[in-house]
């Protein structure tokens, strides 16, 4: 059986943009846009945190342009995959797990309101 049949790494999230997106140029010369998406945890919550803020990125230039127009508080939906990215710092190697987005769209206010009341 091939690995493609066994493994699946698909993420679909709908939530609020916690702050404006940031464009960064990596030491490799690649550019990425990073942003943080706040999503509610599944019900029921007995106590503790009710939301998570998840780091998201994209290398896709067309998607980067759309994301640049999003504002903090906008309800957005993204599709992508989890990835762990590594890089060197003055104190050693570090890493971060994030959602690498391949699609994204701003959700119209009426659809966002429907999702929050569900």
N, C-alpha and C. Protein backbone atom coordinates (compact mmCIF):
# COMPACT_ATOMS: atom_id res chain seq x y z
N UNK A 1 0.85 -1.17 0.00
CA UNK A 1 0.00 0.00 0.00
C UNK A 1 0.89 1.24 0.00
N UNK A 2 0.57 2.22 -0.83
CA UNK A 2 1.42 3.41 -0.92
C UNK A 2 1.16 4.35 0.24
N UNK A 3 2.14 5.20 0.53
CA UNK A 3 2.02 6.18 1.61
C UNK A 3 0.88 7.14 1.32
N UNK A 4 0.66 7.46 0.04
CA UNK A 4 -0.42 8.39 -0.33
C UNK A 4 -1.78 7.85 0.10
N UNK A 5 -1.95 6.56 0.13
CA UNK A 5 -3.22 5.96 0.54
C UNK A 5 -3.34 5.94 2.06
N UNK A 6 -2.25 5.74 2.76
CA UNK A 6 -2.27 5.63 4.21
C UNK A 6 -2.38 6.99 4.89
N UNK A 7 -1.59 7.95 4.45
CA UNK A 7 -1.51 9.24 5.12
C UNK A 7 -2.52 10.23 4.57
N UNK A 8 -2.98 11.10 5.48
CA UNK A 8 -3.86 12.20 5.07
C UNK A 8 -3.57 13.37 5.98
N UNK A 9 -3.28 14.50 5.40
CA UNK A 9 -2.96 15.70 6.16
C UNK A 9 -3.74 16.86 5.56
N UNK A 10 -5.02 16.95 5.90
CA UNK A 10 -5.90 18.01 5.41
C UNK A 10 -6.47 18.77 6.59
N UNK A 11 -6.41 20.08 6.52
CA UNK A 11 -6.94 20.94 7.57
C UNK A 11 -7.91 21.92 6.94
N UNK A 12 -9.08 22.07 7.53
CA UNK A 12 -10.04 23.10 7.15
C UNK A 12 -10.43 23.82 8.42
N UNK A 13 -10.21 25.13 8.44
CA UNK A 13 -10.51 25.93 9.62
C UNK A 13 -11.35 27.14 9.23
N UNK A 14 -12.27 27.51 10.10
CA UNK A 14 -13.02 28.76 9.95
C UNK A 14 -12.92 29.46 11.29
N UNK A 15 -12.47 30.70 11.26
CA UNK A 15 -12.34 31.46 12.49
C UNK A 15 -12.06 32.92 12.19
N UNK A 16 -11.65 33.65 13.23
CA UNK A 16 -11.38 35.08 13.10
C UNK A 16 -9.89 35.33 12.99
N UNK A 17 -9.54 36.24 12.10
CA UNK A 17 -8.16 36.69 11.98
C UNK A 17 -7.84 37.50 13.23
N UNK A 18 -6.80 37.11 13.97
CA UNK A 18 -6.51 37.78 15.25
C UNK A 18 -5.75 39.08 15.07
N UNK A 19 -5.04 39.26 13.97
CA UNK A 19 -4.26 40.46 13.69
C UNK A 19 -3.98 40.50 12.20
N UNK A 20 -3.58 41.64 11.67
CA UNK A 20 -3.25 41.68 10.24
C UNK A 20 -2.12 40.71 9.90
N UNK A 21 -2.15 40.19 8.68
CA UNK A 21 -1.12 39.27 8.21
C UNK A 21 0.20 40.00 8.02
N UNK A 22 1.30 39.25 8.10
CA UNK A 22 2.64 39.82 7.93
C UNK A 22 3.35 39.13 6.77
N UNK A 23 3.97 39.91 5.90
CA UNK A 23 4.78 39.39 4.81
C UNK A 23 6.21 39.31 5.30
N UNK A 24 6.85 38.15 5.11
CA UNK A 24 8.24 37.98 5.54
C UNK A 24 9.05 37.35 4.42
N UNK A 25 10.30 37.77 4.34
CA UNK A 25 11.24 37.16 3.42
C UNK A 25 12.19 36.30 4.24
N UNK A 26 12.26 35.02 3.89
CA UNK A 26 13.12 34.09 4.61
C UNK A 26 14.56 34.20 4.13
N UNK A 27 15.53 33.71 4.91
CA UNK A 27 16.92 33.72 4.48
C UNK A 27 17.13 33.05 3.12
N UNK A 28 16.27 32.10 2.78
CA UNK A 28 16.36 31.40 1.49
C UNK A 28 15.94 32.29 0.32
N UNK A 29 15.31 33.43 0.63
CA UNK A 29 14.79 34.31 -0.40
C UNK A 29 13.31 34.10 -0.66
N UNK A 30 12.73 33.00 -0.16
CA UNK A 30 11.30 32.76 -0.31
C UNK A 30 10.52 33.77 0.52
N UNK A 31 9.35 34.16 0.03
CA UNK A 31 8.48 35.03 0.82
C UNK A 31 7.29 34.22 1.29
N UNK A 32 6.85 34.53 2.49
CA UNK A 32 5.65 33.90 3.02
C UNK A 32 4.83 34.94 3.74
N UNK A 33 3.55 34.68 3.80
CA UNK A 33 2.65 35.49 4.60
C UNK A 33 2.26 34.64 5.80
N UNK A 34 2.35 35.25 6.98
CA UNK A 34 1.95 34.53 8.19
C UNK A 34 0.81 35.30 8.86
N UNK A 35 -0.08 34.54 9.46
CA UNK A 35 -1.19 35.13 10.20
C UNK A 35 -1.65 34.14 11.25
N UNK A 36 -2.46 34.62 12.18
CA UNK A 36 -2.96 33.77 13.25
C UNK A 36 -4.49 33.75 13.18
N UNK A 37 -5.04 32.54 13.27
CA UNK A 37 -6.47 32.35 13.18
C UNK A 37 -6.99 31.85 14.52
N UNK A 38 -7.98 32.54 15.07
CA UNK A 38 -8.59 32.13 16.33
C UNK A 38 -9.84 31.32 16.05
N UNK A 39 -9.86 30.09 16.57
CA UNK A 39 -11.00 29.19 16.37
C UNK A 39 -11.49 28.70 17.73
N UNK A 40 -12.79 28.44 17.80
CA UNK A 40 -13.35 27.91 19.04
C UNK A 40 -13.08 26.42 19.13
N UNK A 41 -12.87 25.95 20.35
CA UNK A 41 -12.72 24.52 20.59
C UNK A 41 -14.08 23.84 20.48
N UNK A 42 -14.08 22.56 20.11
CA UNK A 42 -15.35 21.85 20.01
C UNK A 42 -16.07 21.81 21.36
N UNK A 43 -17.37 21.81 21.32
CA UNK A 43 -18.18 21.68 22.53
C UNK A 43 -18.14 20.25 23.01
N UNK A 44 -18.42 19.92 24.21
CA UNK A 44 -18.63 20.85 25.32
C UNK A 44 -17.31 21.16 26.02
N UNK A 45 -17.20 22.36 26.53
CA UNK A 45 -16.06 22.78 27.33
C UNK A 45 -16.49 22.84 28.78
N UNK A 46 -15.90 22.02 29.62
CA UNK A 46 -16.22 22.03 31.04
C UNK A 46 -15.64 23.27 31.70
N UNK A 47 -14.36 23.53 31.42
CA UNK A 47 -13.71 24.72 31.95
C UNK A 47 -12.42 24.95 31.17
N UNK A 48 -11.80 26.06 31.42
CA UNK A 48 -10.55 26.36 30.73
C UNK A 48 -10.77 27.13 29.45
N UNK A 49 -9.78 27.05 28.59
CA UNK A 49 -9.81 27.79 27.33
C UNK A 49 -10.92 27.31 26.41
N UNK A 50 -11.55 28.25 25.76
CA UNK A 50 -12.61 27.90 24.81
C UNK A 50 -12.18 28.14 23.37
N UNK A 51 -11.00 28.78 23.17
CA UNK A 51 -10.50 29.04 21.82
C UNK A 51 -9.03 28.67 21.71
N UNK A 52 -8.58 28.51 20.49
CA UNK A 52 -7.16 28.33 20.19
C UNK A 52 -6.80 29.33 19.10
N UNK A 53 -5.60 29.88 19.17
CA UNK A 53 -5.09 30.75 18.12
C UNK A 53 -3.98 29.98 17.43
N UNK A 54 -4.19 29.72 16.13
CA UNK A 54 -3.30 28.83 15.38
C UNK A 54 -2.49 29.61 14.35
N UNK A 55 -1.18 29.34 14.28
CA UNK A 55 -0.35 30.01 13.29
C UNK A 55 -0.58 29.40 11.91
N UNK A 56 -0.71 30.27 10.91
CA UNK A 56 -0.94 29.85 9.53
C UNK A 56 0.03 30.61 8.62
N UNK A 57 0.42 29.97 7.53
CA UNK A 57 1.31 30.60 6.54
C UNK A 57 0.86 30.21 5.14
N UNK A 58 1.36 30.94 4.16
CA UNK A 58 1.25 30.50 2.78
C UNK A 58 2.41 31.05 1.98
N UNK A 59 2.87 30.24 1.04
CA UNK A 59 3.90 30.65 0.08
C UNK A 59 3.25 31.04 -1.25
N UNK A 60 1.96 30.74 -1.43
CA UNK A 60 1.24 30.98 -2.69
C UNK A 60 1.02 32.48 -2.88
N UNK A 61 1.59 33.02 -3.96
CA UNK A 61 1.56 34.49 -4.18
C UNK A 61 0.14 35.02 -4.36
N UNK A 62 -0.70 34.31 -5.10
CA UNK A 62 -2.08 34.78 -5.31
C UNK A 62 -2.83 34.80 -3.98
N UNK A 63 -2.65 33.78 -3.18
CA UNK A 63 -3.30 33.73 -1.87
C UNK A 63 -2.74 34.81 -0.95
N UNK A 64 -1.44 35.07 -1.03
CA UNK A 64 -0.83 36.13 -0.22
C UNK A 64 -1.50 37.48 -0.49
N UNK A 65 -1.80 37.76 -1.76
CA UNK A 65 -2.44 39.03 -2.12
C UNK A 65 -3.84 39.14 -1.52
N UNK A 66 -4.60 38.03 -1.55
CA UNK A 66 -5.95 38.05 -0.96
C UNK A 66 -5.87 38.24 0.55
N UNK A 67 -4.95 37.52 1.18
CA UNK A 67 -4.81 37.60 2.64
C UNK A 67 -4.40 39.00 3.08
N UNK A 68 -3.61 39.69 2.27
CA UNK A 68 -3.17 41.04 2.62
C UNK A 68 -4.35 42.00 2.80
N UNK A 69 -5.48 41.71 2.15
CA UNK A 69 -6.66 42.56 2.26
C UNK A 69 -7.52 42.23 3.48
N UNK A 70 -7.26 41.11 4.14
CA UNK A 70 -8.04 40.74 5.31
C UNK A 70 -7.67 41.63 6.49
N UNK A 71 -8.66 41.91 7.33
CA UNK A 71 -8.47 42.75 8.50
C UNK A 71 -8.65 41.92 9.77
N UNK A 72 -8.04 42.36 10.86
CA UNK A 72 -8.25 41.70 12.15
C UNK A 72 -9.74 41.66 12.44
N UNK A 73 -10.22 40.50 12.88
CA UNK A 73 -11.64 40.33 13.17
C UNK A 73 -12.44 39.74 12.03
N UNK A 74 -11.87 39.74 10.81
CA UNK A 74 -12.58 39.13 9.68
C UNK A 74 -12.72 37.63 9.93
N UNK A 75 -13.88 37.10 9.54
CA UNK A 75 -14.09 35.65 9.60
C UNK A 75 -13.59 35.09 8.27
N UNK A 76 -12.67 34.13 8.36
CA UNK A 76 -12.09 33.54 7.15
C UNK A 76 -12.12 32.02 7.26
N UNK A 77 -12.04 31.38 6.11
CA UNK A 77 -11.96 29.93 6.05
C UNK A 77 -10.73 29.58 5.23
N UNK A 78 -9.92 28.67 5.77
CA UNK A 78 -8.69 28.27 5.07
C UNK A 78 -8.65 26.76 4.95
N UNK A 79 -7.94 26.29 3.92
CA UNK A 79 -7.66 24.88 3.71
C UNK A 79 -6.16 24.73 3.54
N UNK A 80 -5.61 23.68 4.11
CA UNK A 80 -4.18 23.45 3.98
C UNK A 80 -3.78 22.16 4.65
N UNK A 81 -2.54 22.14 5.13
CA UNK A 81 -1.99 20.95 5.78
C UNK A 81 -1.10 21.40 6.93
N UNK A 82 -1.01 20.58 7.96
CA UNK A 82 -0.09 20.86 9.06
C UNK A 82 1.33 20.59 8.60
N UNK A 83 2.23 21.44 9.01
CA UNK A 83 3.64 21.21 8.72
C UNK A 83 4.45 21.71 9.90
N UNK A 84 5.64 21.15 10.04
CA UNK A 84 6.58 21.61 11.06
C UNK A 84 7.77 22.19 10.32
N UNK A 85 8.02 23.47 10.55
CA UNK A 85 9.10 24.18 9.86
C UNK A 85 10.24 24.40 10.84
N UNK A 86 11.48 24.17 10.39
CA UNK A 86 12.68 24.30 11.22
C UNK A 86 13.53 25.45 10.70
N UNK A 87 14.23 26.14 11.60
CA UNK A 87 15.20 27.16 11.21
C UNK A 87 16.21 27.35 12.33
N UNK A 88 17.33 27.94 11.95
CA UNK A 88 18.41 28.16 12.91
C UNK A 88 18.28 29.54 13.54
N UNK A 89 18.61 29.61 14.83
CA UNK A 89 18.67 30.87 15.56
C UNK A 89 20.05 30.97 16.20
N UNK A 90 20.40 32.12 16.76
CA UNK A 90 21.70 32.22 17.42
C UNK A 90 21.88 31.22 18.56
N UNK A 91 20.77 30.75 19.14
CA UNK A 91 20.87 29.81 20.25
C UNK A 91 20.66 28.36 19.85
N UNK A 92 20.44 28.08 18.55
CA UNK A 92 20.26 26.70 18.10
C UNK A 92 19.10 26.58 17.13
N UNK A 93 18.71 25.36 16.85
CA UNK A 93 17.62 25.09 15.93
C UNK A 93 16.30 25.18 16.67
N UNK A 94 15.32 25.77 16.02
CA UNK A 94 13.98 25.85 16.59
C UNK A 94 12.97 25.44 15.53
N UNK A 95 11.73 25.21 15.94
CA UNK A 95 10.72 24.80 14.98
C UNK A 95 9.35 25.31 15.41
N UNK A 96 8.42 25.24 14.47
CA UNK A 96 7.04 25.63 14.74
C UNK A 96 6.13 24.76 13.91
N UNK A 97 5.04 24.34 14.48
CA UNK A 97 4.00 23.63 13.73
C UNK A 97 2.96 24.66 13.33
N UNK A 98 2.59 24.66 12.05
CA UNK A 98 1.67 25.66 11.53
C UNK A 98 0.84 25.05 10.40
N UNK A 99 -0.19 25.76 10.02
CA UNK A 99 -1.02 25.34 8.89
C UNK A 99 -0.47 26.02 7.64
N UNK A 100 -0.04 25.22 6.67
CA UNK A 100 0.42 25.74 5.38
C UNK A 100 -0.80 25.79 4.46
N UNK A 101 -1.29 26.98 4.19
CA UNK A 101 -2.55 27.16 3.47
C UNK A 101 -2.38 27.09 1.96
N UNK A 102 -3.31 26.39 1.34
CA UNK A 102 -3.34 26.33 -0.13
C UNK A 102 -4.56 27.07 -0.67
N UNK A 103 -5.57 27.28 0.17
CA UNK A 103 -6.78 28.03 -0.21
C UNK A 103 -7.22 28.87 0.98
N UNK A 104 -7.88 29.97 0.67
CA UNK A 104 -8.42 30.80 1.73
C UNK A 104 -9.42 31.78 1.17
N UNK A 105 -10.41 32.09 1.97
CA UNK A 105 -11.41 33.06 1.54
C UNK A 105 -12.00 33.76 2.75
N UNK A 106 -12.41 34.97 2.54
CA UNK A 106 -13.11 35.72 3.57
C UNK A 106 -14.56 35.25 3.54
N UNK A 107 -15.12 34.97 4.70
CA UNK A 107 -16.50 34.49 4.79
C UNK A 107 -17.41 35.71 4.92
N UNK A 108 -18.46 35.79 4.09
CA UNK A 108 -19.40 36.91 4.21
C UNK A 108 -19.97 36.99 5.62
N UNK A 109 -20.24 38.17 6.09
CA UNK A 109 -20.72 38.38 7.46
C UNK A 109 -21.91 37.50 7.81
N UNK A 110 -22.87 37.34 6.91
CA UNK A 110 -24.05 36.53 7.21
C UNK A 110 -23.67 35.06 7.43
N UNK A 111 -22.74 34.51 6.62
CA UNK A 111 -22.30 33.13 6.78
C UNK A 111 -21.50 32.99 8.06
N UNK A 112 -20.68 34.00 8.39
CA UNK A 112 -19.91 33.96 9.64
C UNK A 112 -20.82 33.98 10.84
N UNK A 113 -21.91 34.77 10.78
CA UNK A 113 -22.85 34.82 11.89
C UNK A 113 -23.56 33.49 12.04
N UNK A 114 -23.90 32.86 10.90
CA UNK A 114 -24.55 31.54 10.95
C UNK A 114 -23.63 30.52 11.60
N UNK A 115 -22.33 30.57 11.29
CA UNK A 115 -21.37 29.62 11.84
C UNK A 115 -21.21 29.81 13.34
N UNK A 116 -21.26 31.08 13.81
CA UNK A 116 -21.10 31.33 15.24
C UNK A 116 -22.31 30.90 16.04
N UNK A 117 -23.51 30.96 15.43
CA UNK A 117 -24.70 30.59 16.17
C UNK A 117 -24.97 29.09 16.13
N UNK A 118 -24.26 28.37 15.29
CA UNK A 118 -24.49 26.91 15.16
C UNK A 118 -23.94 26.15 16.35
